Amino acid sequence: MASTSQGDGGRTIRSVEIAFNIIDVLQEHNGVGVTELAEELGHSKSTIHSHLRTLEERKILVRDGDGYRLSLRVLDMANHVREQVENYDVIRTEVDKLAEETGEIAQFGIREHGEVSYLYKAAGDRAVVTASRVGTQQPLHSTSLGKTILAFMPPERAQTHVESAEFTESTPKTITSADALFEELERTRERGYGIDDEENFEGLRCVAAPVTDGESVLGAVSLTGPSSRFTDERLHGELSEYVTRAANIIELNSKFS
């Protein structure tokens, strides 16, 4: 019988945790071998080797020389996940257009597991390099996408999240209390868009607008750029208008089940 551990959310299967920890490491480092994985994850080489063999047999991993890498089956799984998201083609078209029109980074995010997950990202000709990638997550409380999603979700759900949130301080400007976040969410609802004023990464500002179906928020679309270009005047003027218009177009061209 597989061993289990008891967490806050209930029992978890230890062998599954090990398998996904291996996948996480291989996502960051290609060509990692048994010894390196065992040292990084704190398990015996025999345990790691057994998991690698299983993952290889399931075609999740590929042996590459003396190490392993993720297989193309993972890409197929990712494409399947993307196709499950309603209105993906509409989102991609509008985010691409937004990046081209502004020259900046444009993104669409949804809420998953209490964080904002990046569904699609496009870079304009003036875009700066950022850490966000499609499929990765960032905190809701320190990102324009996350705060916008929180502001426009049903109040009771937003309150539950805020009251249980861990307020990780990413920069000196990060919101670090529930009261401050509630105030920011109220401002976001009043103006119709959310901002990130160097709260997640120093030197970067963002603005985001919600995409809703009239009853619930489905996600948000954002623009990200350096503070030198994202001045207060532009952030609360043309840039907020850009993301609001993109969100409206996504809503108008989407089919909601």
C-alpha atoms as a PDB file:
ATOM      1  CA  MET A   1       0.000   0.000   0.000  1.00  0.00           C
ATOM      2  CA  ALA A   2       1.321   3.430  -0.884  1.00  0.00           C
ATOM      3  CA  SER A   3       2.422   5.508   2.093  1.00  0.00           C
ATOM      4  CA  THR A   4       0.481   8.648   2.898  1.00  0.00           C
ATOM      5  CA  SER A   5       0.982  11.898   4.774  1.00  0.00           C
ATOM      6  CA  GLN A   6      -1.571  14.102   6.481  1.00  0.00           C
ATOM      7  CA  GLY A   7      -1.655  17.758   5.400  1.00  0.00           C
ATOM      8  CA  ASP A   8      -4.046  20.611   6.075  1.00  0.00           C
ATOM      9  CA  GLY A   9      -6.225  19.520   3.185  1.00  0.00           C
ATOM     10  CA  GLY A  10      -6.271  15.814   4.065  1.00  0.00           C
ATOM     11  CA  ARG A  11      -4.213  12.768   3.125  1.00  0.00           C
ATOM     12  CA  THR A  12      -1.686  12.844   0.295  1.00  0.00           C
ATOM     13  CA  ILE A  13       0.118   9.961  -1.409  1.00  0.00           C
ATOM     14  CA  ARG A  14       3.867  10.157  -0.823  1.00  0.00           C
ATOM     15  CA  SER A  15       4.847   8.356  -4.033  1.00  0.00           C
ATOM     16  CA  VAL A  16       2.748  10.770  -6.102  1.00  0.00           C
ATOM     17  CA  GLU A  17       4.391  13.716  -4.355  1.00  0.00           C
ATOM     18  CA  ILE A  18       7.837  12.329  -5.184  1.00  0.00           C
ATOM     19  CA  ALA A  19       6.876  11.806  -8.842  1.00  0.00           C
ATOM     20  CA  PHE A  20       5.652  15.373  -9.221  1.00  0.00           C
ATOM     21  CA  ASN A  21       8.685  16.755  -7.396  1.00  0.00           C
ATOM     22  CA  ILE A  22      10.831  14.951  -9.977  1.00  0.00           C
ATOM     23  CA  ILE A  23       8.788  16.525 -12.766  1.00  0.00           C
ATOM     24  CA  ASP A  24       9.209  19.969 -11.182  1.00  0.00           C
ATOM     25  CA  VAL A  25      12.994  19.575 -11.078  1.00  0.00           C
ATOM     26  CA  LEU A  26      13.156  18.351 -14.674  1.00  0.00           C
ATOM     27  CA  GLN A  27      11.044  21.312 -15.750  1.00  0.00           C
ATOM     28  CA  GLU A  28      13.759  23.607 -14.403  1.00  0.00           C
ATOM     29  CA  HIS A  29      16.810  21.542 -15.389  1.00  0.00           C
ATOM     30  CA  ASN A  30      17.056  19.307 -18.444  1.00  0.00           C
ATOM     31  CA  GLY A  31      19.250  16.242 -18.439  1.00  0.00           C
ATOM     32  CA  VAL A  32      19.219  15.624 -14.674  1.00  0.00           C
ATOM     33  CA  GLY A  33      20.411  12.211 -13.534  1.00  0.00           C
ATOM     34  CA  VAL A  34      19.485   9.904 -10.671  1.00  0.00           C
ATOM     35  CA  THR A  35      22.222  11.108  -8.309  1.00  0.00           C
ATOM     36  CA  GLU A  36      21.416  14.802  -8.772  1.00  0.00           C
ATOM     37  CA  LEU A  37      17.698  14.183  -8.293  1.00  0.00           C
ATOM     38  CA  ALA A  38      18.293  12.105  -5.169  1.00  0.00           C
ATOM     39  CA  GLU A  39      20.468  14.826  -3.646  1.00  0.00           C
ATOM     40  CA  GLU A  40      18.097  17.663  -4.509  1.00  0.00           C
ATOM     41  CA  LEU A  41      14.938  15.907  -3.351  1.00  0.00           C
ATOM     42  CA  GLY A  42      16.425  14.149  -0.332  1.00  0.00           C
ATOM     43  CA  HIS A  43      15.531  10.580  -1.297  1.00  0.00           C
ATOM     44  CA  SER A  44      17.599   7.464  -1.896  1.00  0.00           C
ATOM     45  CA  LYS A  45      18.836   6.754  -5.403  1.00  0.00           C
ATOM     46  CA  SER A  46      16.827   3.522  -5.461  1.00  0.00           C
ATOM     47  CA  THR A  47      13.604   5.436  -4.690  1.00  0.00           C
ATOM     48  CA  ILE A  48      14.322   8.019  -7.381  1.00  0.00           C
ATOM     49  CA  HIS A  49      15.280   5.337  -9.892  1.00  0.00           C
ATOM     50  CA  SER A  50      11.994   3.459  -9.325  1.00  0.00           C
ATOM     51  CA  HIS A  51       9.988   6.623  -9.913  1.00  0.00           C
ATOM     52  CA  LEU A  52      11.996   7.500 -13.010  1.00  0.00           C
ATOM     53  CA  ARG A  53      11.379   4.038 -14.486  1.00  0.00           C
ATOM     54  CA  THR A  54       7.661   4.372 -13.840  1.00  0.00           C
ATOM     55  CA  LEU A  55       7.476   7.840 -15.378  1.00  0.00           C
ATOM     56  CA  GLU A  56       9.511   6.662 -18.345  1.00  0.00           C
ATOM     57  CA  GLU A  57       7.203   3.701 -18.895  1.00  0.00           C
ATOM     58  CA  ARG A  58       4.238   6.095 -18.797  1.00  0.00           C
ATOM     59  CA  LYS A  59       6.059   8.181 -21.461  1.00  0.00           C
ATOM     60  CA  ILE A  60       6.192  11.255 -19.225  1.00  0.00           C
ATOM     61  CA  LEU A  61      10.002  11.247 -19.239  1.00  0.00           C
ATOM     62  CA  VAL A  62      12.653  10.410 -21.821  1.00  0.00           C
ATOM     63  CA  ARG A  63      16.112   9.101 -21.014  1.00  0.00           C
ATOM     64  CA  ASP A  64      18.617  11.535 -22.525  1.00  0.00           C
ATOM     65  CA  GLY A  65      22.226  10.329 -22.207  1.00  0.00           C
ATOM     66  CA  ASP A  66      23.000  10.017 -18.522  1.00  0.00           C
ATOM     67  CA  GLY A  67      19.949  12.034 -17.508  1.00  0.00           C
ATOM     68  CA  TYR A  68      16.247  12.489 -18.098  1.00  0.00           C
ATOM     69  CA  ARG A  69      14.038  15.161 -19.623  1.00  0.00           C
ATOM     70  CA  LEU A  70      10.305  15.716 -19.968  1.00  0.00           C
ATOM     71  CA  SER A  71       8.784  14.053 -23.022  1.00  0.00           C
ATOM     72  CA  LEU A  72       6.616  15.555 -25.739  1.00  0.00           C
ATOM     73  CA  ARG A  73       3.649  13.811 -24.144  1.00  0.00           C
ATOM     74  CA  VAL A  74       3.722  16.626 -21.565  1.00  0.00           C
ATOM     75  CA  LEU A  75       3.293  19.098 -24.416  1.00  0.00           C
ATOM     76  CA  ASP A  76       0.301  17.117 -25.645  1.00  0.00           C
ATOM     77  CA  MET A  77      -1.186  17.239 -22.154  1.00  0.00           C
ATOM     78  CA  ALA A  78      -0.612  20.997 -22.002  1.00  0.00           C
ATOM     79  CA  ASN A  79      -2.325  21.490 -25.355  1.00  0.00           C
ATOM     80  CA  HIS A  80      -5.267  19.447 -24.123  1.00  0.00           C
ATOM     81  CA  VAL A  81      -5.563  21.634 -21.024  1.00  0.00           C
ATOM     82  CA  ARG A  82      -5.482  24.763 -23.172  1.00  0.00           C
ATOM     83  CA  GLU A  83      -8.228  23.429 -25.429  1.00  0.00           C
ATOM     84  CA  GLN A  84     -10.417  22.862 -22.381  1.00  0.00           C
ATOM     85  CA  VAL A  85     -10.409  26.603 -21.658  1.00  0.00           C
ATOM     86  CA  GLU A  86     -13.436  28.160 -23.278  1.00  0.00           C
ATOM     87  CA  ASN A  87     -12.829  30.994 -25.745  1.00  0.00           C
ATOM     88  CA  TYR A  88      -9.056  30.394 -25.883  1.00  0.00           C
ATOM     89  CA  ASP A  89      -8.806  31.472 -29.536  1.00  0.00           C
ATOM     90  CA  VAL A  90     -10.573  34.752 -28.787  1.00  0.00           C
ATOM     91  CA  ILE A  91      -8.287  35.384 -25.814  1.00  0.00           C
ATOM     92  CA  ARG A  92      -5.151  34.639 -27.837  1.00  0.00           C
ATOM     93  CA  THR A  93      -6.217  36.940 -30.682  1.00  0.00           C
ATOM     94  CA  GLU A  94      -6.935  39.890 -28.395  1.00  0.00           C
ATOM     95  CA  VAL A  95      -3.830  39.459 -26.245  1.00  0.00           C
ATOM     96  CA  ASP A  96      -1.660  39.295 -29.387  1.00  0.00           C
ATOM     97  CA  LYS A  97      -3.326  42.454 -30.685  1.00  0.00           C
ATOM     98  CA  LEU A  98      -2.851  44.216 -27.359  1.00  0.00           C
ATOM     99  CA  ALA A  99       0.884  43.424 -27.324  1.00  0.00           C
ATOM    100  CA  GLU A 100       1.278  44.576 -30.926  1.00  0.00           C
ATOM    101  CA  GLU A 101      -0.601  47.841 -30.376  1.00  0.00           C
ATOM    102  CA  THR A 102       1.249  48.826 -27.208  1.00  0.00           C
ATOM    103  CA  GLY A 103       4.633  47.199 -27.743  1.00  0.00           C
ATOM    104  CA  GLU A 104       4.472  45.857 -24.185  1.00  0.00           C
ATOM    105  CA  ILE A 105       3.809  42.503 -22.505  1.00  0.00           C
ATOM    106  CA  ALA A 106       0.153  41.452 -22.624  1.00  0.00           C
ATOM    107  CA  GLN A 107      -1.185  38.528 -20.606  1.00  0.00           C
ATOM    108  CA  PHE A 108      -4.357  36.710 -19.674  1.00  0.00           C
ATOM    109  CA  GLY A 109      -4.712  35.049 -16.309  1.00  0.00           C
ATOM    110  CA  ILE A 110      -7.233  32.911 -14.479  1.00  0.00           C
ATOM    111  CA  ARG A 111      -7.559  31.898 -10.831  1.00  0.00           C
ATOM    112  CA  GLU A 112      -6.389  28.406  -9.897  1.00  0.00           C
ATOM    113  CA  HIS A 113      -5.500  27.001  -6.465  1.00  0.00           C
ATOM    114  CA  GLY A 114      -5.699  30.424  -4.841  1.00  0.00           C
ATOM    115  CA  GLU A 115      -3.210  32.022  -7.246  1.00  0.00           C
ATOM    116  CA  VAL A 116      -3.291  33.651 -10.662  1.00  0.00           C
ATOM    117  CA  SER A 117      -2.200  31.259 -13.436  1.00  0.00           C
ATOM    118  CA  TYR A 118      -0.970  32.606 -16.749  1.00  0.00           C
ATOM    119  CA  LEU A 119      -3.003  31.207 -19.626  1.00  0.00           C
ATOM    120  CA  TYR A 120      -1.499  33.212 -22.487  1.00  0.00           C
ATOM    121  CA  LYS A 121       1.314  35.746 -22.896  1.00  0.00           C
ATOM    122  CA  ALA A 122       2.429  37.891 -25.839  1.00  0.00           C
ATOM    123  CA  ALA A 123       5.357  40.307 -26.118  1.00  0.00           C
ATOM    124  CA  GLY A 124       5.406  43.516 -28.153  1.00  0.00           C
ATOM    125  CA  ASP A 125       8.474  45.059 -29.757  1.00  0.00           C
ATOM    126  CA  ARG A 126       9.372  47.066 -26.620  1.00  0.00           C
ATOM    127  CA  ALA A 127       8.579  44.351 -24.087  1.00  0.00           C
ATOM    128  CA  VAL A 128      10.866  43.815 -21.121  1.00  0.00           C
ATOM    129  CA  VAL A 129      11.840  40.379 -19.868  1.00  0.00           C
ATOM    130  CA  THR A 130       9.655  39.125 -17.013  1.00  0.00           C
ATOM    131  CA  ALA A 131       9.600  35.952 -14.924  1.00  0.00           C
ATOM    132  CA  SER A 132       6.027  35.005 -15.813  1.00  0.00           C
ATOM    133  CA  ARG A 133       5.467  32.100 -18.195  1.00  0.00           C
ATOM    134  CA  VAL A 134       2.365  30.385 -19.458  1.00  0.00           C
ATOM    135  CA  GLY A 135       1.334  27.814 -16.875  1.00  0.00           C
ATOM    136  CA  THR A 136       3.155  29.439 -13.966  1.00  0.00           C
ATOM    137  CA  GLN A 137       1.525  31.115 -10.975  1.00  0.00           C
ATOM    138  CA  GLN A 138       1.865  34.338  -9.030  1.00  0.00           C
ATOM    139  CA  PRO A 139       0.110  35.614  -5.892  1.00  0.00           C
ATOM    140  CA  LEU A 140      -3.302  37.204  -6.235  1.00  0.00           C
ATOM    141  CA  HIS A 141      -2.608  39.972  -3.707  1.00  0.00           C
ATOM    142  CA  SER A 142       0.445  41.448  -5.440  1.00  0.00           C
ATOM    143  CA  THR A 143      -0.474  41.281  -9.150  1.00  0.00           C
ATOM    144  CA  SER A 144      -2.856  43.399 -11.211  1.00  0.00           C
ATOM    145  CA  LEU A 145      -4.379  40.247 -12.703  1.00  0.00           C
ATOM    146  CA  GLY A 146      -4.912  38.699  -9.286  1.00  0.00           C
ATOM    147  CA  LYS A 147      -6.342  41.782  -7.605  1.00  0.00           C
ATOM    148  CA  THR A 148      -8.673  42.374 -10.547  1.00  0.00           C
ATOM    149  CA  ILE A 149      -9.969  38.809 -10.400  1.00  0.00           C
ATOM    150  CA  LEU A 150     -10.480  39.117  -6.637  1.00  0.00           C
ATOM    151  CA  ALA A 151     -12.263  42.468  -6.964  1.00  0.00           C
ATOM    152  CA  PHE A 152     -14.839  41.169  -9.429  1.00  0.00           C
ATOM    153  CA  MET A 153     -15.537  37.715  -8.018  1.00  0.00           C
ATOM    154  CA  PRO A 154     -18.510  37.229  -5.660  1.00  0.00           C
ATOM    155  CA  PRO A 155     -17.758  39.177  -2.438  1.00  0.00           C
ATOM    156  CA  GLU A 156     -18.090  36.171  -0.145  1.00  0.00           C
ATOM    157  CA  ARG A 157     -15.531  34.193  -2.166  1.00  0.00           C
ATOM    158  CA  ALA A 158     -13.131  37.137  -2.264  1.00  0.00           C
ATOM    159  CA  GLN A 159     -13.479  37.607   1.485  1.00  0.00           C
ATOM    160  CA  THR A 160     -12.733  33.946   2.144  1.00  0.00           C
ATOM    161  CA  HIS A 161      -9.565  34.141   0.047  1.00  0.00           C
ATOM    162  CA  VAL A 162      -8.340  37.390   1.564  1.00  0.00           C
ATOM    163  CA  GLU A 163      -8.898  36.214   5.129  1.00  0.00           C
ATOM    164  CA  SER A 164      -6.929  33.009   4.483  1.00  0.00           C
ATOM    165  CA  ALA A 165      -4.204  34.536   2.301  1.00  0.00           C
ATOM    166  CA  GLU A 166      -0.495  34.385   3.097  1.00  0.00           C
ATOM    167  CA  PHE A 167       0.743  37.885   2.361  1.00  0.00           C
ATOM    168  CA  THR A 168       4.194  37.207   0.945  1.00  0.00           C
ATOM    169  CA  GLU A 169       6.141  40.470   0.670  1.00  0.00           C
ATOM    170  CA  SER A 170       7.762  40.498  -2.774  1.00  0.00           C
ATOM    171  CA  THR A 171       8.812  44.178  -2.709  1.00  0.00           C
ATOM    172  CA  PRO A 172       8.574  47.092  -0.242  1.00  0.00           C
ATOM    173  CA  LYS A 173       5.312  48.092  -1.974  1.00  0.00           C
ATOM    174  CA  THR A 174       3.549  44.729  -1.605  1.00  0.00           C
ATOM    175  CA  ILE A 175       0.238  44.772   0.255  1.00  0.00           C
ATOM    176  CA  THR A 176       0.755  42.755   3.432  1.00  0.00           C
ATOM    177  CA  SER A 177      -2.550  42.901   5.314  1.00  0.00           C
ATOM    178  CA  ALA A 178      -6.157  41.908   4.719  1.00  0.00           C
ATOM    179  CA  ASP A 179      -7.453  45.398   5.549  1.00  0.00           C
ATOM    180  CA  ALA A 180      -5.158  47.054   3.003  1.00  0.00           C
ATOM    181  CA  LEU A 181      -6.106  44.510   0.357  1.00  0.00           C
ATOM    182  CA  PHE A 182      -9.846  44.998   0.965  1.00  0.00           C
ATOM    183  CA  GLU A 183      -9.349  48.746   0.460  1.00  0.00           C
ATOM    184  CA  GLU A 184      -7.438  48.140  -2.771  1.00  0.00           C
ATOM    185  CA  LEU A 185     -10.126  45.797  -4.077  1.00  0.00           C
ATOM    186  CA  GLU A 186     -12.762  48.460  -3.427  1.00  0.00           C
ATOM    187  CA  ARG A 187     -10.736  51.002  -5.430  1.00  0.00           C
ATOM    188  CA  THR A 188     -10.345  48.435  -8.196  1.00  0.00           C
ATOM    189  CA  ARG A 189     -14.109  47.885  -8.410  1.00  0.00           C
ATOM    190  CA  GLU A 190     -14.786  51.626  -8.457  1.00  0.00           C
ATOM    191  CA  ARG A 191     -12.432  52.401 -11.350  1.00  0.00           C
ATOM    192  CA  GLY A 192     -13.051  49.119 -13.226  1.00  0.00           C
ATOM    193  CA  TYR A 193      -9.431  47.942 -13.459  1.00  0.00           C
ATOM    194  CA  GLY A 194      -6.611  46.837 -11.163  1.00  0.00           C
ATOM    195  CA  ILE A 195      -2.993  47.926 -10.926  1.00  0.00           C
ATOM    196  CA  ASP A 196       0.300  46.509  -9.684  1.00  0.00           C
ATOM    197  CA  ASP A 197       2.530  49.395  -8.636  1.00  0.00           C
ATOM    198  CA  GLU A 198       5.878  47.585  -8.375  1.00  0.00           C
ATOM    199  CA  GLU A 199       4.247  45.234  -5.865  1.00  0.00           C
ATOM    200  CA  ASN A 200       5.399  41.956  -7.393  1.00  0.00           C
ATOM    201  CA  PHE A 201       8.672  43.020  -9.041  1.00  0.00           C
ATOM    202  CA  GLU A 202      10.536  46.269  -8.473  1.00  0.00           C
ATOM    203  CA  GLY A 203      10.625  48.461 -11.557  1.00  0.00           C
ATOM    204  CA  LEU A 204       7.537  46.892 -13.172  1.00  0.00           C
ATOM    205  CA  ARG A 205       3.980  48.224 -13.180  1.00  0.00           C
ATOM    206  CA  CYS A 206       0.876  46.493 -14.541  1.00  0.00           C
ATOM    207  CA  VAL A 207      -2.741  47.269 -15.263  1.00  0.00           C
ATOM    208  CA  ALA A 208      -5.524  44.701 -15.757  1.00  0.00           C
ATOM    209  CA  ALA A 209      -9.222  44.592 -16.631  1.00  0.00           C
ATOM    210  CA  PRO A 210     -11.695  41.809 -15.792  1.00  0.00           C
ATOM    211  CA  VAL A 211     -13.386  39.503 -18.281  1.00  0.00           C
ATOM    212  CA  THR A 212     -16.817  38.506 -16.998  1.00  0.00           C
ATOM    213  CA  ASP A 213     -19.896  36.679 -18.234  1.00  0.00           C
ATOM    214  CA  GLY A 214     -22.189  39.066 -16.422  1.00  0.00           C
ATOM    215  CA  GLU A 215     -22.329  36.983 -13.254  1.00  0.00           C
ATOM    216  CA  SER A 216     -18.787  35.836 -12.532  1.00  0.00           C
ATOM    217  CA  VAL A 217     -15.249  36.813 -13.441  1.00  0.00           C
ATOM    218  CA  LEU A 218     -13.595  34.384 -15.859  1.00  0.00           C
ATOM    219  CA  GLY A 219     -10.148  35.960 -15.767  1.00  0.00           C
ATOM    220  CA  ALA A 220      -8.360  39.196 -16.543  1.00  0.00           C
ATOM    221  CA  VAL A 221      -6.206  40.720 -19.271  1.00  0.00           C
ATOM    222  CA  SER A 222      -3.178  42.866 -18.437  1.00  0.00           C
ATOM    223  CA  LEU A 223      -0.318  45.004 -19.695  1.00  0.00           C
ATOM    224  CA  THR A 224       3.104  45.005 -18.030  1.00  0.00           C
ATOM    225  CA  GLY A 225       6.010  47.368 -18.517  1.00  0.00           C
ATOM    226  CA  PRO A 226       8.773  49.393 -16.843  1.00  0.00           C
ATOM    227  CA  SER A 227       7.797  52.148 -14.429  1.00  0.00           C
ATOM    228  CA  SER A 228       9.591  54.662 -16.621  1.00  0.00           C
ATOM    229  CA  ARG A 229       7.013  54.086 -19.374  1.00  0.00           C
ATOM    230  CA  PHE A 230       4.049  53.150 -17.174  1.00  0.00           C
ATOM    231  CA  THR A 231       3.666  56.572 -15.604  1.00  0.00           C
ATOM    232  CA  ASP A 232       0.577  57.426 -13.547  1.00  0.00           C
ATOM    233  CA  GLU A 233      -0.842  59.381 -16.464  1.00  0.00           C
ATOM    234  CA  ARG A 234      -0.456  56.484 -18.916  1.00  0.00           C
ATOM    235  CA  LEU A 235      -1.406  53.790 -16.409  1.00  0.00           C
ATOM    236  CA  HIS A 236      -4.699  55.438 -15.507  1.00  0.00           C
ATOM    237  CA  GLY A 237      -5.236  56.783 -19.018  1.00  0.00           C
ATOM    238  CA  GLU A 238      -4.443  55.069 -22.299  1.00  0.00           C
ATOM    239  CA  LEU A 239      -3.126  51.808 -20.812  1.00  0.00           C
ATOM    240  CA  SER A 240      -6.207  51.189 -18.664  1.00  0.00           C
ATOM    241  CA  GLU A 241      -8.317  51.987 -21.725  1.00  0.00           C
ATOM    242  CA  TYR A 242      -6.364  49.444 -23.795  1.00  0.00           C
ATOM    243  CA  VAL A 243      -6.936  46.573 -21.348  1.00  0.00           C
ATOM    244  CA  THR A 244     -10.569  47.527 -20.764  1.00  0.00           C
ATOM    245  CA  ARG A 245     -11.238  47.543 -24.494  1.00  0.00           C
ATOM    246  CA  ALA A 246      -9.493  44.183 -24.928  1.00  0.00           C
ATOM    247  CA  ALA A 247     -11.531  42.678 -22.076  1.00  0.00           C
ATOM    248  CA  ASN A 248     -14.754  43.990 -23.600  1.00  0.00           C
ATOM    249  CA  ILE A 249     -13.905  42.519 -27.008  1.00  0.00           C
ATOM    250  CA  ILE A 250     -13.125  39.128 -25.442  1.00  0.00           C
ATOM    251  CA  GLU A 251     -16.489  39.226 -23.672  1.00  0.00           C
ATOM    252  CA  LEU A 252     -18.395  40.229 -26.824  1.00  0.00           C
ATOM    253  CA  ASN A 253     -16.786  37.498 -28.941  1.00  0.00           C
ATOM    254  CA  SER A 254     -16.952  34.713 -26.383  1.00  0.00           C
ATOM    255  CA  LYS A 255     -19.430  31.899 -25.975  1.00  0.00           C
ATOM    256  CA  PHE A 256     -20.220  31.143 -22.363  1.00  0.00           C
ATOM    257  CA  SER A 257     -21.722  27.782 -21.366  1.00  0.00           C
END
